[in-house]
Amino acid sequence: QVQLVESGGGLVQPGGSLRLSCAASGFSFKDYDLRWYRQAPGMERVLIALITSASSIYYADSLRGRFTISRDNAKNMVYLQMNSLKPDDTAVYYCAAAQDRYWGQGTQVTVSS
């Protein structure tokens, strides 16, 4: 069955970095776009980064320059490197695949001193 499992979240101080990972299985990983979303408390879930099967990349304007999405098709992994984190980045982060047909369970990122 299809699985997406995020990891790498946690508590980090403002200005710090985290690298989120998403391990995928059960579908033809290399053939699909992969996305990272986040959902802050009381807010809607929003798309923050996307990498296509051809490795074209999109970022939400507010995050460009701080976040980097990447994929490793050999390992069926997608990553989100997050730098210069701010308290406003606090959210549950989700990976999704195949035009959002598949979702992970989310990983909590908290940015606080």
Protein backbone atom coordinates (compact mmCIF):
# COMPACT_ATOMS: atom_id res chain seq x y z
CA GLN A 1 0.00 0.00 0.00
CA VAL A 2 1.02 3.61 -0.47
CA GLN A 3 2.89 5.19 2.40
CA LEU A 4 4.40 8.60 2.95
CA VAL A 5 6.19 9.04 6.25
CA GLU A 6 7.58 12.41 7.28
CA SER A 7 10.35 12.86 9.82
CA GLY A 8 12.77 15.51 11.01
CA GLY A 9 10.43 17.92 12.73
CA GLY A 10 10.97 19.26 16.20
CA LEU A 11 11.66 22.33 18.29
CA VAL A 12 14.20 24.80 16.94
CA GLN A 13 15.21 28.31 17.92
CA PRO A 14 14.56 31.26 15.60
CA GLY A 15 17.29 31.44 13.00
CA GLY A 16 17.90 27.72 13.16
CA SER A 17 17.57 25.03 10.52
CA LEU A 18 15.76 21.75 10.10
CA ARG A 19 15.71 19.17 7.37
CA LEU A 20 12.45 17.35 6.85
CA SER A 21 12.41 13.99 5.12
CA CYS A 22 9.57 12.07 3.55
CA ALA A 23 9.96 8.38 2.80
CA ALA A 24 7.64 7.06 0.11
CA SER A 25 6.62 3.56 -0.85
CA GLY A 26 3.91 1.72 -2.74
CA PHE A 27 3.81 3.78 -5.93
CA SER A 28 6.05 4.72 -8.83
CA PHE A 29 7.83 7.52 -7.00
CA LYS A 30 9.95 8.82 -9.85
CA ASP A 31 6.92 9.42 -12.06
CA TYR A 32 5.12 11.84 -9.77
CA ASP A 33 5.29 15.38 -8.53
CA LEU A 34 6.00 15.73 -4.83
CA ARG A 35 4.79 18.53 -2.62
CA TRP A 36 5.31 19.94 0.83
CA TYR A 37 2.45 21.66 2.58
CA ARG A 38 2.15 23.18 6.00
CA GLN A 39 -0.72 23.96 8.31
CA ALA A 40 -0.29 26.48 11.06
CA PRO A 41 -2.61 26.48 14.08
CA GLY A 42 -6.04 27.76 13.11
CA MET A 43 -5.03 28.15 9.47
CA GLU A 44 -5.65 26.28 6.24
CA ARG A 45 -3.14 23.87 4.83
CA VAL A 46 -1.05 25.63 2.18
CA LEU A 47 1.35 24.50 -0.51
CA ILE A 48 4.89 25.66 0.17
CA ALA A 49 7.08 23.74 -2.27
CA LEU A 50 6.74 21.41 -5.20
CA ILE A 51 9.20 19.35 -7.23
CA THR A 52 8.06 17.73 -10.44
CA SER A 53 9.07 14.37 -11.85
CA ALA A 54 11.50 16.30 -14.05
CA SER A 55 12.82 18.13 -10.96
CA SER A 56 11.32 21.50 -11.82
CA ILE A 57 10.74 23.38 -8.60
CA TYR A 58 8.18 25.83 -7.25
CA TYR A 59 8.20 27.69 -3.96
CA ALA A 60 5.67 29.87 -2.26
CA ASP A 61 6.92 33.43 -2.70
CA SER A 62 7.29 34.05 1.01
CA LEU A 63 9.64 31.09 1.44
CA ARG A 64 11.87 31.36 -1.59
CA GLY A 65 15.49 31.63 -0.53
CA ARG A 66 15.01 30.01 2.87
CA PHE A 67 13.56 26.62 1.97
CA THR A 68 14.93 24.08 -0.50
CA ILE A 69 13.05 21.06 -1.80
CA SER A 70 14.87 18.10 -3.29
CA ARG A 71 14.22 14.49 -4.19
CA ASP A 72 16.21 11.28 -4.40
CA ASN A 73 14.50 8.89 -6.77
CA ALA A 74 16.92 6.09 -5.93
CA LYS A 75 15.84 6.22 -2.29
CA ASN A 76 12.20 7.26 -2.81
CA MET A 77 12.79 10.27 -0.61
CA VAL A 78 11.82 13.91 -0.75
CA TYR A 79 13.41 16.53 1.48
CA LEU A 80 12.73 20.03 2.67
CA GLN A 81 15.72 21.96 3.95
CA MET A 82 14.52 24.88 6.05
CA ASN A 83 16.92 27.64 7.04
CA SER A 84 16.60 30.91 8.93
CA LEU A 85 13.47 29.63 10.61
CA LYS A 86 11.02 32.08 12.12
CA PRO A 87 8.26 31.63 14.69
CA ASP A 88 5.77 32.05 11.82
CA ASP A 89 7.13 28.82 10.33
CA THR A 90 5.60 26.90 13.21
CA ALA A 91 3.20 24.40 11.67
CA VAL A 92 2.56 20.78 10.89
CA TYR A 93 4.41 19.94 7.68
CA TYR A 94 3.02 17.37 5.26
CA CYS A 95 4.37 15.72 2.17
CA ALA A 96 2.04 14.73 -0.63
CA ALA A 97 2.36 12.94 -3.93
CA ALA A 98 0.50 12.20 -7.14
CA GLN A 99 -1.54 15.38 -7.31
CA ASP A 100 -2.33 15.11 -3.62
CA ARG A 101 -3.78 11.64 -3.83
CA TYR A 102 -1.31 10.47 -1.23
CA TRP A 103 -0.48 12.18 2.06
CA GLY A 104 1.80 11.64 4.98
CA GLN A 105 0.72 12.01 8.58
CA GLY A 106 2.63 15.23 9.11
CA THR A 107 5.52 16.29 11.30
CA GLN A 108 5.39 19.15 13.79
CA VAL A 109 7.85 22.01 13.47
CA THR A 110 7.95 24.51 16.30
CA VAL A 111 10.16 27.58 16.10
CA SER A 112 10.50 29.19 19.48
CA SER A 113 13.11 30.50 21.88
